[in-house]
Amino acid sequence: MNLGCLLPLIDEMPGYRQLIEALFSNNSKKSGVEQQVVVLDEAKPYLLAALHRESGWPMLVVTPRPEGAKQLQDQLLAWKRSLHLPRTRFSPL
């Protein structure tokens, strides 16, 4: 299932527009300002796919468990088919 056609709907959400403005403003680029947001687990793949669509930047997503990484990968592929999603397993130090 390809849900990518729904990605433009997020552009209408004021909170998303505020996040985009904060992330891409000249001040945050110069100062390296960190943005923190609280997102429901169910909405994370949608937000990540939308941010990737908006920025085109490479993204690093870290999950606490390998099962969570696999689940997120499957969900992201539903939103954006053209993602390159390598899986690497790391052991805690």
C-alpha atoms as a PDB file:
ATOM      1  CA  MET A   1       0.000   0.000   0.000  1.00  0.00           C
ATOM      2  CA  ASN A   2       1.371   3.437  -0.936  1.00  0.00           C
ATOM      3  CA  LEU A   3       0.220   6.187   1.408  1.00  0.00           C
ATOM      4  CA  GLY A   4       2.491   8.824  -0.130  1.00  0.00           C
ATOM      5  CA  CYS A   5      -0.441  10.625  -1.746  1.00  0.00           C
ATOM      6  CA  LEU A   6      -1.551  11.633   1.777  1.00  0.00           C
ATOM      7  CA  LEU A   7       1.727  13.387   2.647  1.00  0.00           C
ATOM      8  CA  PRO A   8       0.631  16.830   1.350  1.00  0.00           C
ATOM      9  CA  LEU A   9      -2.196  16.881   3.927  1.00  0.00           C
ATOM     10  CA  ILE A  10       0.327  17.531   6.695  1.00  0.00           C
ATOM     11  CA  ASP A  11       1.187  20.868   5.063  1.00  0.00           C
ATOM     12  CA  GLU A  12      -2.168  22.195   6.252  1.00  0.00           C
ATOM     13  CA  MET A  13      -1.395  21.498   9.907  1.00  0.00           C
ATOM     14  CA  PRO A  14      -0.210  24.617  11.786  1.00  0.00           C
ATOM     15  CA  GLY A  15       2.057  22.625  14.097  1.00  0.00           C
ATOM     16  CA  TYR A  16       3.864  21.056  11.163  1.00  0.00           C
ATOM     17  CA  ARG A  17       4.310  24.427   9.439  1.00  0.00           C
ATOM     18  CA  GLN A  18       5.765  25.854  12.681  1.00  0.00           C
ATOM     19  CA  LEU A  19       8.190  22.938  12.940  1.00  0.00           C
ATOM     20  CA  ILE A  20       9.283  23.373   9.310  1.00  0.00           C
ATOM     21  CA  GLU A  21       9.796  27.105   9.792  1.00  0.00           C
ATOM     22  CA  ALA A  22      11.841  26.479  12.942  1.00  0.00           C
ATOM     23  CA  LEU A  23      13.958  23.793  11.289  1.00  0.00           C
ATOM     24  CA  PHE A  24      14.637  25.676   8.070  1.00  0.00           C
ATOM     25  CA  SER A  25      14.942  29.246   9.302  1.00  0.00           C
ATOM     26  CA  ASN A  26      18.296  30.971   8.831  1.00  0.00           C
ATOM     27  CA  ASN A  27      18.672  31.458  12.592  1.00  0.00           C
ATOM     28  CA  SER A  28      18.418  27.747  13.388  1.00  0.00           C
ATOM     29  CA  LYS A  29      20.833  26.836  10.581  1.00  0.00           C
ATOM     30  CA  LYS A  30      23.442  29.274  11.874  1.00  0.00           C
ATOM     31  CA  SER A  31      23.100  28.514  15.560  1.00  0.00           C
ATOM     32  CA  GLY A  32      22.481  24.762  15.318  1.00  0.00           C
ATOM     33  CA  VAL A  33      19.247  25.129  17.286  1.00  0.00           C
ATOM     34  CA  GLU A  34      17.764  21.832  18.369  1.00  0.00           C
ATOM     35  CA  GLN A  35      14.041  21.225  17.922  1.00  0.00           C
ATOM     36  CA  GLN A  36      12.174  18.846  20.192  1.00  0.00           C
ATOM     37  CA  VAL A  37       8.685  17.616  19.441  1.00  0.00           C
ATOM     38  CA  VAL A  38       6.377  15.097  21.043  1.00  0.00           C
ATOM     39  CA  VAL A  39       4.778  12.792  18.482  1.00  0.00           C
ATOM     40  CA  LEU A  40       2.450   9.850  18.950  1.00  0.00           C
ATOM     41  CA  ASP A  41       4.183   6.600  17.990  1.00  0.00           C
ATOM     42  CA  GLU A  42       1.541   5.989  15.333  1.00  0.00           C
ATOM     43  CA  ALA A  43       2.296   9.366  13.683  1.00  0.00           C
ATOM     44  CA  LYS A  44       6.108   9.069  13.613  1.00  0.00           C
ATOM     45  CA  PRO A  45       6.383   7.365  10.198  1.00  0.00           C
ATOM     46  CA  TYR A  46       4.073  10.011   8.677  1.00  0.00           C
ATOM     47  CA  LEU A  47       6.070  12.865  10.195  1.00  0.00           C
ATOM     48  CA  LEU A  48       9.434  11.372   9.206  1.00  0.00           C
ATOM     49  CA  ALA A  49       8.285  10.789   5.618  1.00  0.00           C
ATOM     50  CA  ALA A  50       6.907  14.340   5.428  1.00  0.00           C
ATOM     51  CA  LEU A  51      10.125  15.838   6.820  1.00  0.00           C
ATOM     52  CA  HIS A  52      12.169  13.825   4.336  1.00  0.00           C
ATOM     53  CA  ARG A  53       9.910  14.988   1.498  1.00  0.00           C
ATOM     54  CA  GLU A  54      10.246  18.604   2.638  1.00  0.00           C
ATOM     55  CA  SER A  55      14.000  18.631   3.199  1.00  0.00           C
ATOM     56  CA  GLY A  56      15.452  15.928   0.968  1.00  0.00           C
ATOM     57  CA  TRP A  57      18.134  15.540   3.632  1.00  0.00           C
ATOM     58  CA  PRO A  58      19.507  12.196   4.763  1.00  0.00           C
ATOM     59  CA  MET A  59      17.978  11.194   8.082  1.00  0.00           C
ATOM     60  CA  LEU A  60      19.243   9.025  10.897  1.00  0.00           C
ATOM     61  CA  VAL A  61      16.571   7.405  13.035  1.00  0.00           C
ATOM     62  CA  VAL A  62      17.582   5.455  16.125  1.00  0.00           C
ATOM     63  CA  THR A  63      15.252   2.999  17.825  1.00  0.00           C
ATOM     64  CA  PRO A  64      15.819   1.318  21.188  1.00  0.00           C
ATOM     65  CA  ARG A  65      15.125  -2.210  19.891  1.00  0.00           C
ATOM     66  CA  PRO A  66      15.747  -3.995  16.570  1.00  0.00           C
ATOM     67  CA  GLU A  67      12.076  -5.010  16.385  1.00  0.00           C
ATOM     68  CA  GLY A  68      11.093  -1.350  16.560  1.00  0.00           C
ATOM     69  CA  ALA A  69      13.500  -0.524  13.743  1.00  0.00           C
ATOM     70  CA  LYS A  70      11.983  -3.206  11.515  1.00  0.00           C
ATOM     71  CA  GLN A  71       8.449  -2.042  12.293  1.00  0.00           C
ATOM     72  CA  LEU A  72       9.361   1.591  11.580  1.00  0.00           C
ATOM     73  CA  GLN A  73      11.051   0.556   8.339  1.00  0.00           C
ATOM     74  CA  ASP A  74       7.916  -1.256   7.169  1.00  0.00           C
ATOM     75  CA  GLN A  75       5.755   1.739   8.085  1.00  0.00           C
ATOM     76  CA  LEU A  76       8.057   4.223   6.341  1.00  0.00           C
ATOM     77  CA  LEU A  77       8.011   2.164   3.156  1.00  0.00           C
ATOM     78  CA  ALA A  78       4.220   2.522   3.121  1.00  0.00           C
ATOM     79  CA  TRP A  79       4.609   6.312   3.155  1.00  0.00           C
ATOM     80  CA  LYS A  80       7.579   6.674   0.834  1.00  0.00           C
ATOM     81  CA  ARG A  81       8.617   3.846  -1.453  1.00  0.00           C
ATOM     82  CA  SER A  82      11.904   5.411  -2.591  1.00  0.00           C
ATOM     83  CA  LEU A  83      13.636   5.421   0.794  1.00  0.00           C
ATOM     84  CA  HIS A  84      16.989   3.716   1.242  1.00  0.00           C
ATOM     85  CA  LEU A  85      16.720   1.988   4.589  1.00  0.00           C
ATOM     86  CA  PRO A  86      19.804   0.044   5.603  1.00  0.00           C
ATOM     87  CA  ARG A  87      19.450  -1.927   8.806  1.00  0.00           C
ATOM     88  CA  THR A  88      22.381  -2.155  11.107  1.00  0.00           C
ATOM     89  CA  ARG A  89      22.338  -3.857  14.429  1.00  0.00           C
ATOM     90  CA  PHE A  90      24.464  -2.413  17.199  1.00  0.00           C
ATOM     91  CA  SER A  91      25.136  -3.799  20.623  1.00  0.00           C
ATOM     92  CA  PRO A  92      24.969  -1.554  23.679  1.00  0.00           C
ATOM     93  CA  LEU A  93      28.311  -0.516  25.069  1.00  0.00           C
END
